[in-house]
């Protein structure tokens, strides 16, 4: 790997996003929905909460689809 690609893997922005993923990963679904809807949170926190919401959604909602389709189904189901 070139040093440029290593820089992107270790960038502060990327590290911050993964920190938001870890922080929101322990929250229950109703809190994740509230964070996604609340414009007071940063876009990164809201996107991390949405990602964790997609992961935590039951199979009845996601229908076992690939991530992109699951995300659409979850947004529709939770109206976010």
Protein backbone atom coordinates (compact mmCIF):
# COMPACT_ATOMS: atom_id res chain seq x y z
CA UNK A 1 0.00 0.00 0.00
CA UNK A 2 1.18 3.49 -0.68
CA UNK A 3 1.59 5.99 2.13
CA UNK A 4 -1.29 8.01 0.69
CA UNK A 5 -3.76 5.15 1.16
CA UNK A 6 -2.50 4.63 4.72
CA UNK A 7 -3.21 8.28 5.43
CA UNK A 8 -6.86 7.83 4.46
CA UNK A 9 -7.18 4.77 6.64
CA UNK A 10 -5.91 6.69 9.66
CA UNK A 11 -7.43 10.10 9.03
CA UNK A 12 -9.01 11.96 11.93
CA UNK A 13 -12.33 12.12 10.08
CA UNK A 14 -12.41 8.37 9.63
CA UNK A 15 -11.36 7.74 13.23
CA UNK A 16 -14.08 10.11 14.45
CA UNK A 17 -16.72 8.32 12.38
CA UNK A 18 -15.67 4.93 13.77
CA UNK A 19 -15.83 6.44 17.25
CA UNK A 20 -19.41 7.56 16.55
CA UNK A 21 -20.21 4.04 15.31
CA UNK A 22 -18.92 2.53 18.56
CA UNK A 23 -20.72 5.11 20.70
CA UNK A 24 -24.09 4.65 18.99
CA UNK A 25 -23.69 0.89 18.62
CA UNK A 26 -24.80 0.27 22.21
CA UNK A 27 -28.01 2.30 21.96
CA UNK A 28 -31.47 0.75 21.61
CA UNK A 29 -33.43 1.21 18.39
CA UNK A 30 -35.72 3.98 19.69
CA UNK A 31 -32.68 6.11 20.64
CA UNK A 32 -31.09 5.53 17.23
CA UNK A 33 -34.28 6.68 15.51
CA UNK A 34 -34.36 9.80 17.69
CA UNK A 35 -30.73 10.63 16.83
CA UNK A 36 -31.27 10.13 13.09
CA UNK A 37 -34.25 12.51 13.16
CA UNK A 38 -32.64 15.18 15.39
CA UNK A 39 -30.96 17.88 13.26
CA UNK A 40 -29.10 19.06 16.37
CA UNK A 41 -26.62 16.22 15.95
CA UNK A 42 -23.83 16.41 13.40
CA UNK A 43 -24.25 14.63 10.08
CA UNK A 44 -21.55 12.13 11.06
CA UNK A 45 -23.30 11.16 14.29
CA UNK A 46 -26.62 10.84 12.49
CA UNK A 47 -25.11 8.69 9.73
CA UNK A 48 -23.42 6.45 12.31
CA UNK A 49 -26.74 6.07 14.12
CA UNK A 50 -28.46 5.21 10.83
CA UNK A 51 -25.80 2.63 10.04
CA UNK A 52 -26.30 1.01 13.45
CA UNK A 53 -30.06 1.21 13.00
CA UNK A 54 -29.78 -0.74 9.74
CA UNK A 55 -27.61 -3.35 11.46
CA UNK A 56 -29.99 -3.65 14.45
CA UNK A 57 -33.19 -3.81 12.40
CA UNK A 58 -35.00 -7.16 12.51
CA UNK A 59 -34.98 -9.49 9.52
CA UNK A 60 -38.71 -8.88 9.09
CA UNK A 61 -37.81 -5.31 8.12
CA UNK A 62 -34.60 -5.92 6.17
CA UNK A 63 -35.81 -9.07 4.39
CA UNK A 64 -32.21 -10.36 4.19
CA UNK A 65 -31.33 -7.90 1.43
CA UNK A 66 -27.91 -6.33 0.70
CA UNK A 67 -26.95 -3.28 2.77
CA UNK A 68 -28.08 -0.61 0.27
CA UNK A 69 -31.56 -2.13 0.00
CA UNK A 70 -31.74 -2.76 3.77
CA UNK A 71 -30.97 0.91 4.37
CA UNK A 72 -33.88 1.98 2.16
CA UNK A 73 -36.22 -0.51 3.83
CA UNK A 74 -35.18 0.62 7.32
CA UNK A 75 -35.60 4.30 6.46
CA UNK A 76 -39.09 3.58 5.15
CA UNK A 77 -40.06 1.39 8.12
CA UNK A 78 -38.85 3.82 10.80
CA UNK A 79 -39.82 6.88 8.72
CA UNK A 80 -36.39 8.51 8.93
